[in-house]
Amino acid sequence: AGLLDPTSGRVRLRGKDPFGAASDFRE
């Protein structure tokens, strides 16, 4: 959900990084 930073590894929601600059993934 992008609420807790992973120590390592990668998350993508519909191709977007929930920890990146773009916030429109929350929609």
mmCIF file of all heavy atoms, coordinates in Angstrom:
data_MODEL
# 
_entry.id   MODEL 
# 
loop_
_atom_site.group_PDB 
_atom_site.id 
_atom_site.type_symbol 
_atom_site.label_atom_id 
_atom_site.label_alt_id 
_atom_site.label_comp_id 
_atom_site.label_asym_id 
_atom_site.label_entity_id 
_atom_site.label_seq_id 
_atom_site.pdbx_PDB_ins_code 
_atom_site.Cartn_x 
_atom_site.Cartn_y 
_atom_site.Cartn_z 
_atom_site.occupancy 
_atom_site.B_iso_or_equiv 
_atom_site.pdbx_formal_charge 
_atom_site.auth_seq_id 
_atom_site.auth_comp_id 
_atom_site.auth_asym_id 
_atom_site.auth_atom_id 
_atom_site.pdbx_PDB_model_num 
ATOM 1   N N   . ALA A 1 1  ? 0.809  -1.217 0.000   1.00 0.00 ? 1  ALA A N   1 
ATOM 2   C CA  . ALA A 1 1  ? 0.000  0.000  0.000   1.00 0.00 ? 1  ALA A CA  1 
ATOM 3   C C   . ALA A 1 1  ? 0.846  1.273  0.000   1.00 0.00 ? 1  ALA A C   1 
ATOM 4   O O   . ALA A 1 1  ? 0.306  2.381  -0.072  1.00 0.00 ? 1  ALA A O   1 
ATOM 5   C CB  . ALA A 1 1  ? -0.926 0.003  1.214   1.00 0.00 ? 1  ALA A CB  1 
ATOM 6   N N   . GLY A 1 2  ? 2.160  1.126  0.102   1.00 0.00 ? 2  GLY A N   1 
ATOM 7   C CA  . GLY A 1 2  ? 3.020  2.294  0.132   1.00 0.00 ? 2  GLY A CA  1 
ATOM 8   C C   . GLY A 1 2  ? 3.066  2.983  1.476   1.00 0.00 ? 2  GLY A C   1 
ATOM 9   O O   . GLY A 1 2  ? 3.465  4.148  1.578   1.00 0.00 ? 2  GLY A O   1 
ATOM 10  N N   . LEU A 1 3  ? 2.666  2.267  2.546   1.00 0.00 ? 3  LEU A N   1 
ATOM 11  C CA  . LEU A 1 3  ? 2.641  2.839  3.886   1.00 0.00 ? 3  LEU A CA  1 
ATOM 12  C C   . LEU A 1 3  ? 3.878  2.496  4.700   1.00 0.00 ? 3  LEU A C   1 
ATOM 13  O O   . LEU A 1 3  ? 4.132  3.112  5.734   1.00 0.00 ? 3  LEU A O   1 
ATOM 14  C CB  . LEU A 1 3  ? 1.398  2.341  4.641   1.00 0.00 ? 3  LEU A CB  1 
ATOM 15  C CG  . LEU A 1 3  ? 0.053  2.702  4.014   1.00 0.00 ? 3  LEU A CG  1 
ATOM 16  C CD1 . LEU A 1 3  ? -1.076 2.028  4.795   1.00 0.00 ? 3  LEU A CD1 1 
ATOM 17  C CD2 . LEU A 1 3  ? -0.147 4.205  3.982   1.00 0.00 ? 3  LEU A CD2 1 
ATOM 18  N N   . LEU A 1 4  ? 4.627  1.515  4.238   1.00 0.00 ? 4  LEU A N   1 
ATOM 19  C CA  . LEU A 1 4  ? 5.812  1.061  4.962   1.00 0.00 ? 4  LEU A CA  1 
ATOM 20  C C   . LEU A 1 4  ? 6.918  0.764  3.961   1.00 0.00 ? 4  LEU A C   1 
ATOM 21  O O   . LEU A 1 4  ? 6.741  -0.075 3.073   1.00 0.00 ? 4  LEU A O   1 
ATOM 22  C CB  . LEU A 1 4  ? 5.480  -0.194 5.784   1.00 0.00 ? 4  LEU A CB  1 
ATOM 23  C CG  . LEU A 1 4  ? 6.593  -0.793 6.641   1.00 0.00 ? 4  LEU A CG  1 
ATOM 24  C CD1 . LEU A 1 4  ? 6.965  0.176  7.765   1.00 0.00 ? 4  LEU A CD1 1 
ATOM 25  C CD2 . LEU A 1 4  ? 6.141  -2.130 7.227   1.00 0.00 ? 4  LEU A CD2 1 
ATOM 26  N N   . ASP A 1 5  ? 8.025  1.457  4.086   1.00 0.00 ? 5  ASP A N   1 
ATOM 27  C CA  . ASP A 1 5  ? 9.143  1.247  3.161   1.00 0.00 ? 5  ASP A CA  1 
ATOM 28  C C   . ASP A 1 5  ? 9.729  -0.147 3.341   1.00 0.00 ? 5  ASP A C   1 
ATOM 29  O O   . ASP A 1 5  ? 10.015 -0.561 4.475   1.00 0.00 ? 5  ASP A O   1 
ATOM 30  C CB  . ASP A 1 5  ? 10.261 2.255  3.425   1.00 0.00 ? 5  ASP A CB  1 
ATOM 31  C CG  . ASP A 1 5  ? 9.868  3.663  3.047   1.00 0.00 ? 5  ASP A CG  1 
ATOM 32  O OD1 . ASP A 1 5  ? 8.997  3.812  2.192   1.00 0.00 ? 5  ASP A OD1 1 
ATOM 33  O OD2 . ASP A 1 5  ? 10.422 4.616  3.629   1.00 0.00 ? 5  ASP A OD2 1 
ATOM 34  N N   . PRO A 1 6  ? 9.933  -0.889 2.254   1.00 0.00 ? 6  PRO A N   1 
ATOM 35  C CA  . PRO A 1 6  ? 10.657 -2.156 2.380   1.00 0.00 ? 6  PRO A CA  1 
ATOM 36  C C   . PRO A 1 6  ? 12.134 -1.896 2.668   1.00 0.00 ? 6  PRO A C   1 
ATOM 37  O O   . PRO A 1 6  ? 12.693 -0.887 2.230   1.00 0.00 ? 6  PRO A O   1 
ATOM 38  C CB  . PRO A 1 6  ? 10.462 -2.812 1.004   1.00 0.00 ? 6  PRO A CB  1 
ATOM 39  C CG  . PRO A 1 6  ? 10.169 -1.689 0.072   1.00 0.00 ? 6  PRO A CG  1 
ATOM 40  C CD  . PRO A 1 6  ? 9.512  -0.609 0.873   1.00 0.00 ? 6  PRO A CD  1 
ATOM 41  N N   . THR A 1 7  ? 12.747 -2.787 3.406   1.00 0.00 ? 7  THR A N   1 
ATOM 42  C CA  . THR A 1 7  ? 14.188 -2.697 3.628   1.00 0.00 ? 7  THR A CA  1 
ATOM 43  C C   . THR A 1 7  ? 14.916 -2.890 2.303   1.00 0.00 ? 7  THR A C   1 
ATOM 44  O O   . THR A 1 7  ? 15.916 -2.228 2.018   1.00 0.00 ? 7  THR A O   1 
ATOM 45  C CB  . THR A 1 7  ? 14.639 -3.752 4.651   1.00 0.00 ? 7  THR A CB  1 
ATOM 46  O OG1 . THR A 1 7  ? 13.899 -3.566 5.865   1.00 0.00 ? 7  THR A OG1 1 
ATOM 47  C CG2 . THR A 1 7  ? 16.120 -3.633 4.953   1.00 0.00 ? 7  THR A CG2 1 
ATOM 48  N N   . SER A 1 8  ? 14.408 -3.809 1.492   1.00 0.00 ? 8  SER A N   1 
ATOM 49  C CA  . SER A 1 8  ? 14.907 -3.999 0.129   1.00 0.00 ? 8  SER A CA  1 
ATOM 50  C C   . SER A 1 8  ? 13.798 -4.658 -0.681  1.00 0.00 ? 8  SER A C   1 
ATOM 51  O O   . SER A 1 8  ? 12.827 -5.176 -0.136  1.00 0.00 ? 8  SER A O   1 
ATOM 52  C CB  . SER A 1 8  ? 16.180 -4.858 0.112   1.00 0.00 ? 8  SER A CB  1 
ATOM 53  O OG  . SER A 1 8  ? 15.915 -6.152 0.615   1.00 0.00 ? 8  SER A OG  1 
ATOM 54  N N   . GLY A 1 9  ? 13.947 -4.638 -1.983  1.00 0.00 ? 9  GLY A N   1 
ATOM 55  C CA  . GLY A 1 9  ? 12.931 -5.204 -2.851  1.00 0.00 ? 9  GLY A CA  1 
ATOM 56  C C   . GLY A 1 9  ? 12.156 -4.120 -3.582  1.00 0.00 ? 9  GLY A C   1 
ATOM 57  O O   . GLY A 1 9  ? 12.397 -2.921 -3.401  1.00 0.00 ? 9  GLY A O   1 
ATOM 58  N N   . ARG A 1 10 ? 11.212 -4.557 -4.409  1.00 0.00 ? 10 ARG A N   1 
ATOM 59  C CA  . ARG A 1 10 ? 10.493 -3.623 -5.284  1.00 0.00 ? 10 ARG A CA  1 
ATOM 60  C C   . ARG A 1 10 ? 8.997  -3.907 -5.267  1.00 0.00 ? 10 ARG A C   1 
ATOM 61  O O   . ARG A 1 10 ? 8.570  -5.065 -5.282  1.00 0.00 ? 10 ARG A O   1 
ATOM 62  C CB  . ARG A 1 10 ? 11.027 -3.758 -6.716  1.00 0.00 ? 10 ARG A CB  1 
ATOM 63  C CG  . ARG A 1 10 ? 10.314 -2.900 -7.744  1.00 0.00 ? 10 ARG A CG  1 
ATOM 64  C CD  . ARG A 1 10 ? 11.075 -2.908 -9.052  1.00 0.00 ? 10 ARG A CD  1 
ATOM 65  N NE  . ARG A 1 10 ? 11.172 -4.231 -9.636  1.00 0.00 ? 10 ARG A NE  1 
ATOM 66  C CZ  . ARG A 1 10 ? 10.259 -4.754 -10.462 1.00 0.00 ? 10 ARG A CZ  1 
ATOM 67  N NH1 . ARG A 1 10 ? 9.186  -4.063 -10.787 1.00 0.00 ? 10 ARG A NH1 1 
ATOM 68  N NH2 . ARG A 1 10 ? 10.439 -5.958 -10.965 1.00 0.00 ? 10 ARG A NH2 1 
ATOM 69  N N   . VAL A 1 11 ? 8.196  -2.840 -5.227  1.00 0.00 ? 11 VAL A N   1 
ATOM 70  C CA  . VAL A 1 11 ? 6.742  -2.932 -5.304  1.00 0.00 ? 11 VAL A CA  1 
ATOM 71  C C   . VAL A 1 11 ? 6.269  -2.112 -6.496  1.00 0.00 ? 11 VAL A C   1 
ATOM 72  O O   . VAL A 1 11 ? 6.741  -0.987 -6.709  1.00 0.00 ? 11 VAL A O   1 
ATOM 73  C CB  . VAL A 1 11 ? 6.062  -2.400 -4.020  1.00 0.00 ? 11 VAL A CB  1 
ATOM 74  C CG1 . VAL A 1 11 ? 4.541  -2.418 -4.173  1.00 0.00 ? 11 VAL A CG1 1 
ATOM 75  C CG2 . VAL A 1 11 ? 6.472  -3.213 -2.807  1.00 0.00 ? 11 VAL A CG2 1 
ATOM 76  N N   . ARG A 1 12 ? 5.317  -2.665 -7.257  1.00 0.00 ? 12 ARG A N   1 
ATOM 77  C CA  . ARG A 1 12 ? 4.674  -1.924 -8.326  1.00 0.00 ? 12 ARG A CA  1 
ATOM 78  C C   . ARG A 1 12 ? 3.165  -2.174 -8.277  1.00 0.00 ? 12 ARG A C   1 
ATOM 79  O O   . ARG A 1 12 ? 2.733  -3.321 -8.183  1.00 0.00 ? 12 ARG A O   1 
ATOM 80  C CB  . ARG A 1 12 ? 5.213  -2.342 -9.700  1.00 0.00 ? 12 ARG A CB  1 
ATOM 81  C CG  . ARG A 1 12 ? 6.660  -1.961 -9.942  1.00 0.00 ? 12 ARG A CG  1 
ATOM 82  C CD  . ARG A 1 12 ? 6.857  -0.463 -10.060 1.00 0.00 ? 12 ARG A CD  1 
ATOM 83  N NE  . ARG A 1 12 ? 8.246  -0.103 -10.357 1.00 0.00 ? 12 ARG A NE  1 
ATOM 84  C CZ  . ARG A 1 12 ? 9.173  0.112  -9.432  1.00 0.00 ? 12 ARG A CZ  1 
ATOM 85  N NH1 . ARG A 1 12 ? 8.856  -0.017 -8.141  1.00 0.00 ? 12 ARG A NH1 1 
ATOM 86  N NH2 . ARG A 1 12 ? 10.395 0.443  -9.769  1.00 0.00 ? 12 ARG A NH2 1 
ATOM 87  N N   . LEU A 1 13 ? 2.401  -1.092 -8.322  1.00 0.00 ? 13 LEU A N   1 
ATOM 88  C CA  . LEU A 1 13 ? 0.951  -1.170 -8.417  1.00 0.00 ? 13 LEU A CA  1 
ATOM 89  C C   . LEU A 1 13 ? 0.541  -0.589 -9.760  1.00 0.00 ? 13 LEU A C   1 
ATOM 90  O O   . LEU A 1 13 ? 0.739  0.599  -10.004 1.00 0.00 ? 13 LEU A O   1 
ATOM 91  C CB  . LEU A 1 13 ? 0.276  -0.398 -7.282  1.00 0.00 ? 13 LEU A CB  1 
ATOM 92  C CG  . LEU A 1 13 ? 0.533  -0.901 -5.860  1.00 0.00 ? 13 LEU A CG  1 
ATOM 93  C CD1 . LEU A 1 13 ? -0.207 -0.040 -4.848  1.00 0.00 ? 13 LEU A CD1 1 
ATOM 94  C CD2 . LEU A 1 13 ? 0.111  -2.358 -5.717  1.00 0.00 ? 13 LEU A CD2 1 
ATOM 95  N N   . ARG A 1 14 ? 0.051  -1.457 -10.643 1.00 0.00 ? 14 ARG A N   1 
ATOM 96  C CA  . ARG A 1 14 ? -0.285 -1.067 -12.009 1.00 0.00 ? 14 ARG A CA  1 
ATOM 97  C C   . ARG A 1 14 ? 0.916  -0.385 -12.672 1.00 0.00 ? 14 ARG A C   1 
ATOM 98  O O   . ARG A 1 14 ? 0.780  0.588  -13.414 1.00 0.00 ? 14 ARG A O   1 
ATOM 99  C CB  . ARG A 1 14 ? -1.516 -0.172 -12.038 1.00 0.00 ? 14 ARG A CB  1 
ATOM 100 C CG  . ARG A 1 14 ? -2.731 -0.791 -11.362 1.00 0.00 ? 14 ARG A CG  1 
ATOM 101 C CD  . ARG A 1 14 ? -3.967 0.049  -11.535 1.00 0.00 ? 14 ARG A CD  1 
ATOM 102 N NE  . ARG A 1 14 ? -4.486 -0.068 -12.887 1.00 0.00 ? 14 ARG A NE  1 
ATOM 103 C CZ  . ARG A 1 14 ? -5.149 0.915  -13.507 1.00 0.00 ? 14 ARG A CZ  1 
ATOM 104 N NH1 . ARG A 1 14 ? -5.326 2.081  -12.926 1.00 0.00 ? 14 ARG A NH1 1 
ATOM 105 N NH2 . ARG A 1 14 ? -5.612 0.735  -14.733 1.00 0.00 ? 14 ARG A NH2 1 
ATOM 106 N N   . GLY A 1 15 ? 2.098  -0.907 -12.379 1.00 0.00 ? 15 GLY A N   1 
ATOM 107 C CA  . GLY A 1 15 ? 3.316  -0.422 -12.995 1.00 0.00 ? 15 GLY A CA  1 
ATOM 108 C C   . GLY A 1 15 ? 3.931  0.789  -12.332 1.00 0.00 ? 15 GLY A C   1 
ATOM 109 O O   . GLY A 1 15 ? 4.984  1.257  -12.763 1.00 0.00 ? 15 GLY A O   1 
ATOM 110 N N   . LYS A 1 16 ? 3.313  1.313  -11.257 1.00 0.00 ? 16 LYS A N   1 
ATOM 111 C CA  . LYS A 1 16 ? 3.809  2.526  -10.604 1.00 0.00 ? 16 LYS A CA  1 
ATOM 112 C C   . LYS A 1 16 ? 4.424  2.192  -9.252  1.00 0.00 ? 16 LYS A C   1 
ATOM 113 O O   . LYS A 1 16 ? 3.980  1.295  -8.548  1.00 0.00 ? 16 LYS A O   1 
ATOM 114 C CB  . LYS A 1 16 ? 2.669  3.531  -10.436 1.00 0.00 ? 16 LYS A CB  1 
ATOM 115 C CG  . LYS A 1 16 ? 2.099  4.003  -11.765 1.00 0.00 ? 16 LYS A CG  1 
ATOM 116 C CD  . LYS A 1 16 ? 0.988  5.001  -11.571 1.00 0.00 ? 16 LYS A CD  1 
ATOM 117 C CE  . LYS A 1 16 ? 0.439  5.468  -12.934 1.00 0.00 ? 16 LYS A CE  1 
ATOM 118 N NZ  . LYS A 1 16 ? -0.662 6.437  -12.770 1.00 0.00 ? 16 LYS A NZ  1 
ATOM 119 N N   . ASP A 1 17 ? 5.430  2.968  -8.920  1.00 0.00 ? 17 ASP A N   1 
ATOM 120 C CA  . ASP A 1 17 ? 6.146  2.793  -7.660  1.00 0.00 ? 17 ASP A CA  1 
ATOM 121 C C   . ASP A 1 17 ? 5.425  3.579  -6.566  1.00 0.00 ? 17 ASP A C   1 
ATOM 122 O O   . ASP A 1 17 ? 5.398  4.814  -6.613  1.00 0.00 ? 17 ASP A O   1 
ATOM 123 C CB  . ASP A 1 17 ? 7.583  3.298  -7.810  1.00 0.00 ? 17 ASP A CB  1 
ATOM 124 C CG  . ASP A 1 17 ? 8.400  3.140  -6.540  1.00 0.00 ? 17 ASP A CG  1 
ATOM 125 O OD1 . ASP A 1 17 ? 7.876  2.619  -5.540  1.00 0.00 ? 17 ASP A OD1 1 
ATOM 126 O OD2 . ASP A 1 17 ? 9.580  3.543  -6.561  1.00 0.00 ? 17 ASP A OD2 1 
ATOM 127 N N   . PRO A 1 18 ? 4.824  2.901  -5.568  1.00 0.00 ? 18 PRO A N   1 
ATOM 128 C CA  . PRO A 1 18 ? 4.108  3.640  -4.520  1.00 0.00 ? 18 PRO A CA  1 
ATOM 129 C C   . PRO A 1 18 ? 5.024  4.485  -3.651  1.00 0.00 ? 18 PRO A C   1 
ATOM 130 O O   . PRO A 1 18 ? 4.546  5.341  -2.896  1.00 0.00 ? 18 PRO A O   1 
ATOM 131 C CB  . PRO A 1 18 ? 3.438  2.531  -3.703  1.00 0.00 ? 18 PRO A CB  1 
ATOM 132 C CG  . PRO A 1 18 ? 4.247  1.313  -3.962  1.00 0.00 ? 18 PRO A CG  1 
ATOM 133 C CD  . PRO A 1 18 ? 4.753  1.452  -5.366  1.00 0.00 ? 18 PRO A CD  1 
ATOM 134 N N   . PHE A 1 19 ? 6.332  4.259  -3.746  1.00 0.00 ? 19 PHE A N   1 
ATOM 135 C CA  . PHE A 1 19 ? 7.282  5.039  -2.960  1.00 0.00 ? 19 PHE A CA  1 
ATOM 136 C C   . PHE A 1 19 ? 7.985  6.095  -3.803  1.00 0.00 ? 19 PHE A C   1 
ATOM 137 O O   . PHE A 1 19 ? 8.875  6.789  -3.319  1.00 0.00 ? 19 PHE A O   1 
ATOM 138 C CB  . PHE A 1 19 ? 8.319  4.109  -2.311  1.00 0.00 ? 19 PHE A CB  1 
ATOM 139 C CG  . PHE A 1 19 ? 7.698  3.061  -1.437  1.00 0.00 ? 19 PHE A CG  1 
ATOM 140 C CD1 . PHE A 1 19 ? 7.491  1.773  -1.922  1.00 0.00 ? 19 PHE A CD1 1 
ATOM 141 C CD2 . PHE A 1 19 ? 7.281  3.361  -0.161  1.00 0.00 ? 19 PHE A CD2 1 
ATOM 142 C CE1 . PHE A 1 19 ? 6.903  0.804  -1.132  1.00 0.00 ? 19 PHE A CE1 1 
ATOM 143 C CE2 . PHE A 1 19 ? 6.685  2.402  0.641   1.00 0.00 ? 19 PHE A CE2 1 
ATOM 144 C CZ  . PHE A 1 19 ? 6.496  1.118  0.157   1.00 0.00 ? 19 PHE A CZ  1 
ATOM 145 N N   . GLY A 1 20 ? 7.568  6.217  -5.059  1.00 0.00 ? 20 GLY A N   1 
ATOM 146 C CA  . GLY A 1 20 ? 8.175  7.203  -5.935  1.00 0.00 ? 20 GLY A CA  1 
ATOM 147 C C   . GLY A 1 20 ? 7.487  8.544  -5.847  1.00 0.00 ? 20 GLY A C   1 
ATOM 148 O O   . GLY A 1 20 ? 6.639  8.804  -4.984  1.00 0.00 ? 20 GLY A O   1 
ATOM 149 N N   . ALA A 1 21 ? 7.844  9.446  -6.770  1.00 0.00 ? 21 ALA A N   1 
ATOM 150 C CA  . ALA A 1 21 ? 7.313  10.812 -6.745  1.00 0.00 ? 21 ALA A CA  1 
ATOM 151 C C   . ALA A 1 21 ? 5.841  10.857 -7.137  1.00 0.00 ? 21 ALA A C   1 
ATOM 152 O O   . ALA A 1 21 ? 5.077  11.678 -6.628  1.00 0.00 ? 21 ALA A O   1 
ATOM 153 C CB  . ALA A 1 21 ? 8.137  11.697 -7.685  1.00 0.00 ? 21 ALA A CB  1 
ATOM 154 N N   . ALA A 1 22 ? 5.410  9.970  -8.046  1.00 0.00 ? 22 ALA A N   1 
ATOM 155 C CA  . ALA A 1 22 ? 4.027  9.993  -8.508  1.00 0.00 ? 22 ALA A CA  1 
ATOM 156 C C   . ALA A 1 22 ? 3.103  9.484  -7.410  1.00 0.00 ? 22 ALA A C   1 
ATOM 157 O O   . ALA A 1 22 ? 3.350  8.469  -6.785  1.00 0.00 ? 22 ALA A O   1 
ATOM 158 C CB  . ALA A 1 22 ? 3.880  9.127  -9.754  1.00 0.00 ? 22 ALA A CB  1 
ATOM 159 N N   . SER A 1 23 ? 2.026  10.198 -7.161  1.00 0.00 ? 23 SER A N   1 
ATOM 160 C CA  . SER A 1 23 ? 1.069  9.809  -6.117  1.00 0.00 ? 23 SER A CA  1 
ATOM 161 C C   . SER A 1 23 ? -0.278 9.395  -6.681  1.00 0.00 ? 23 SER A C   1 
ATOM 162 O O   . SER A 1 23 ? -1.171 9.028  -5.927  1.00 0.00 ? 23 SER A O   1 
ATOM 163 C CB  . SER A 1 23 ? 0.872  10.969 -5.133  1.00 0.00 ? 23 SER A CB  1 
ATOM 164 O OG  . SER A 1 23 ? 0.348  12.105 -5.802  1.00 0.00 ? 23 SER A OG  1 
ATOM 165 N N   . ASP A 1 24 ? -0.445 9.458  -8.023  1.00 0.00 ? 24 ASP A N   1 
ATOM 166 C CA  . ASP A 1 24 ? -1.751 9.159  -8.582  1.00 0.00 ? 24 ASP A CA  1 
ATOM 167 C C   . ASP A 1 24 ? -2.098 7.681  -8.525  1.00 0.00 ? 24 ASP A C   1 
ATOM 168 O O   . ASP A 1 24 ? -3.224 7.288  -8.813  1.00 0.00 ? 24 ASP A O   1 
ATOM 169 C CB  . ASP A 1 24 ? -1.850 9.658  -10.032 1.00 0.00 ? 24 ASP A CB  1 
ATOM 170 C CG  . ASP A 1 24 ? -0.763 9.077  -10.918 1.00 0.00 ? 24 ASP A CG  1 
ATOM 171 O OD1 . ASP A 1 24 ? 0.207  8.504  -10.372 1.00 0.00 ? 24 ASP A OD1 1 
ATOM 172 O OD2 . ASP A 1 24 ? -0.888 9.189  -12.149 1.00 0.00 ? 24 ASP A OD2 1 
ATOM 173 N N   . PHE A 1 25 ? -1.133 6.816  -8.105  1.00 0.00 ? 25 PHE A N   1 
ATOM 174 C CA  . PHE A 1 25 ? -1.459 5.405  -7.972  1.00 0.00 ? 25 PHE A CA  1 
ATOM 175 C C   . PHE A 1 25 ? -2.526 5.204  -6.900  1.00 0.00 ? 25 PHE A C   1 
ATOM 176 O O   . PHE A 1 25 ? -3.273 4.217  -6.930  1.00 0.00 ? 25 PHE A O   1 
ATOM 177 C CB  . PHE A 1 25 ? -0.204 4.598  -7.605  1.00 0.00 ? 25 PHE A CB  1 
ATOM 178 C CG  . PHE A 1 25 ? 0.128  4.591  -6.145  1.00 0.00 ? 25 PHE A CG  1 
ATOM 179 C CD1 . PHE A 1 25 ? -0.292 3.547  -5.330  1.00 0.00 ? 25 PHE A CD1 1 
ATOM 180 C CD2 . PHE A 1 25 ? 0.834  5.637  -5.569  1.00 0.00 ? 25 PHE A CD2 1 
ATOM 181 C CE1 . PHE A 1 25 ? 0.004  3.547  -3.981  1.00 0.00 ? 25 PHE A CE1 1 
ATOM 182 C CE2 . PHE A 1 25 ? 1.131  5.633  -4.226  1.00 0.00 ? 25 PHE A CE2 1 
ATOM 183 C CZ  . PHE A 1 25 ? 0.716  4.587  -3.426  1.00 0.00 ? 25 PHE A CZ  1 
ATOM 184 N N   . ARG A 1 26 ? -2.620 6.124  -5.933  1.00 0.00 ? 26 ARG A N   1 
ATOM 185 C CA  . ARG A 1 26 ? -3.585 5.970  -4.844  1.00 0.00 ? 26 ARG A CA  1 
ATOM 186 C C   . ARG A 1 26 ? -5.015 6.037  -5.342  1.00 0.00 ? 26 ARG A C   1 
ATOM 187 O O   . ARG A 1 26 ? -5.924 5.550  -4.673  1.00 0.00 ? 26 ARG A O   1 
ATOM 188 C CB  . ARG A 1 26 ? -3.335 7.027  -3.767  1.00 0.00 ? 26 ARG A CB  1 
ATOM 189 C CG  . ARG A 1 26 ? -1.975 6.867  -3.088  1.00 0.00 ? 26 ARG A CG  1 
ATOM 190 C CD  . ARG A 1 26 ? -1.831 7.715  -1.840  1.00 0.00 ? 26 ARG A CD  1 
ATOM 191 N NE  . ARG A 1 26 ? -0.484 7.600  -1.294  1.00 0.00 ? 26 ARG A NE  1 
ATOM 192 C CZ  . ARG A 1 26 ? -0.076 6.600  -0.529  1.00 0.00 ? 26 ARG A CZ  1 
ATOM 193 N NH1 . ARG A 1 26 ? -0.908 5.627  -0.225  1.00 0.00 ? 26 ARG A NH1 1 
ATOM 194 N NH2 . ARG A 1 26 ? 1.166  6.570  -0.074  1.00 0.00 ? 26 ARG A NH2 1 
ATOM 195 N N   . GLU A 1 27 ? -5.230 6.651  -6.496  1.00 0.00 ? 27 GLU A N   1 
ATOM 196 C CA  . GLU A 1 27 ? -6.566 6.683  -7.076  1.00 0.00 ? 27 GLU A CA  1 
ATOM 197 C C   . GLU A 1 27 ? -7.022 5.285  -7.481  1.00 0.00 ? 27 GLU A C   1 
ATOM 198 O O   . GLU A 1 27 ? -8.217 5.033  -7.621  1.00 0.00 ? 27 GLU A O   1 
ATOM 199 C CB  . GLU A 1 27 ? -6.586 7.607  -8.291  1.00 0.00 ? 27 GLU A CB  1 
ATOM 200 C CG  . GLU A 1 27 ? -6.243 9.051  -7.967  1.00 0.00 ? 27 GLU A CG  1 
ATOM 201 C CD  . GLU A 1 27 ? -6.121 9.900  -9.208  1.00 0.00 ? 27 GLU A CD  1 
ATOM 202 O OE1 . GLU A 1 27 ? -6.376 9.366  -10.311 1.00 0.00 ? 27 GLU A OE1 1 
ATOM 203 O OE2 . GLU A 1 27 ? -5.781 11.091 -9.078  1.00 0.00 ? 27 GLU A OE2 1 
# 
